[in-house]
Protein backbone atom coordinates (compact mmCIF):
# COMPACT_ATOMS: atom_id res chain seq x y z
CA MET A 1 -56.65 55.03 -52.74
CA ILE A 2 -57.74 51.90 -53.88
CA CYS A 3 -55.96 49.28 -56.63
CA SER A 4 -57.44 50.17 -60.19
CA GLU A 5 -58.53 46.68 -60.83
CA ASN A 6 -61.78 46.20 -60.96
CA GLU A 7 -63.54 44.04 -57.73
CA CYS A 8 -60.09 44.63 -56.20
CA ASP A 9 -60.21 46.75 -52.80
CA GLN A 10 -57.05 46.51 -51.95
CA ILE A 11 -55.01 49.86 -51.24
CA ALA A 12 -52.68 50.61 -53.76
CA ALA A 13 -48.89 50.23 -53.38
CA VAL A 14 -47.14 50.22 -57.39
CA LEU A 15 -48.13 52.46 -60.16
CA LEU A 16 -47.02 50.89 -63.34
CA HIS A 17 -46.05 53.37 -65.71
CA ILE A 18 -47.63 51.79 -69.43
CA PRO A 19 -46.87 53.52 -72.81
CA TRP A 20 -50.27 52.47 -75.03
CA GLU A 21 -52.89 54.07 -71.61
CA GLU A 22 -53.06 56.18 -68.81
CA ASN A 23 -50.64 55.28 -65.68
CA ARG A 24 -52.42 52.89 -62.78
CA ALA A 25 -51.97 52.95 -59.44
CA VAL A 26 -52.64 49.18 -58.23
CA CYS A 27 -51.96 46.66 -55.09
CA ALA A 28 -48.29 44.40 -54.90
CA PRO A 29 -50.55 41.74 -56.42
CA HIS A 30 -51.68 43.30 -59.33
CA ALA A 31 -48.83 44.76 -59.43
CA ARG A 32 -46.89 41.71 -59.83
CA VAL A 33 -48.46 39.94 -63.07
CA LEU A 34 -49.13 43.69 -64.87
CA ALA A 35 -44.92 44.52 -64.87
CA ARG A 36 -44.60 40.97 -66.38
CA LYS A 37 -45.42 42.55 -69.91
CA ASP A 38 -43.00 44.13 -72.06
CA GLY A 39 -43.37 47.63 -71.65
CA ILE A 40 -44.85 48.61 -68.39
CA VAL A 41 -42.71 49.82 -65.65
CA PRO A 42 -43.48 49.71 -61.72
CA ASP A 43 -43.22 52.15 -59.39
CA PRO A 44 -43.24 51.50 -56.22
CA LEU A 45 -45.37 54.50 -54.58
CA PRO A 46 -44.26 56.78 -51.55
CA ASP A 47 -47.11 56.93 -48.61
CA SER A 48 -48.82 60.10 -50.22
CA ALA A 49 -49.19 58.68 -52.94
CA ASP A 50 -53.04 60.19 -53.32
CA ASP A 51 -51.28 63.88 -53.61
CA LEU A 52 -48.67 62.60 -56.03
CA LEU A 53 -51.35 61.42 -59.03
CA GLU A 54 -53.95 64.40 -58.17
CA GLU A 55 -50.25 66.80 -59.60
CA ASP A 56 -50.61 64.56 -63.17
């Protein structure tokens, strides 16, 4: 799975739980920046992350 941020082609490593919008799978560098905002909870993705997101 690829990072959901625009123009980023890195592998997604973290699922961000964002209360005011849809959850996003992002790469580690984007997670470090975005998870600093109040209310966002980062959750590391397992190797089989593609299967997890399809279940939601």
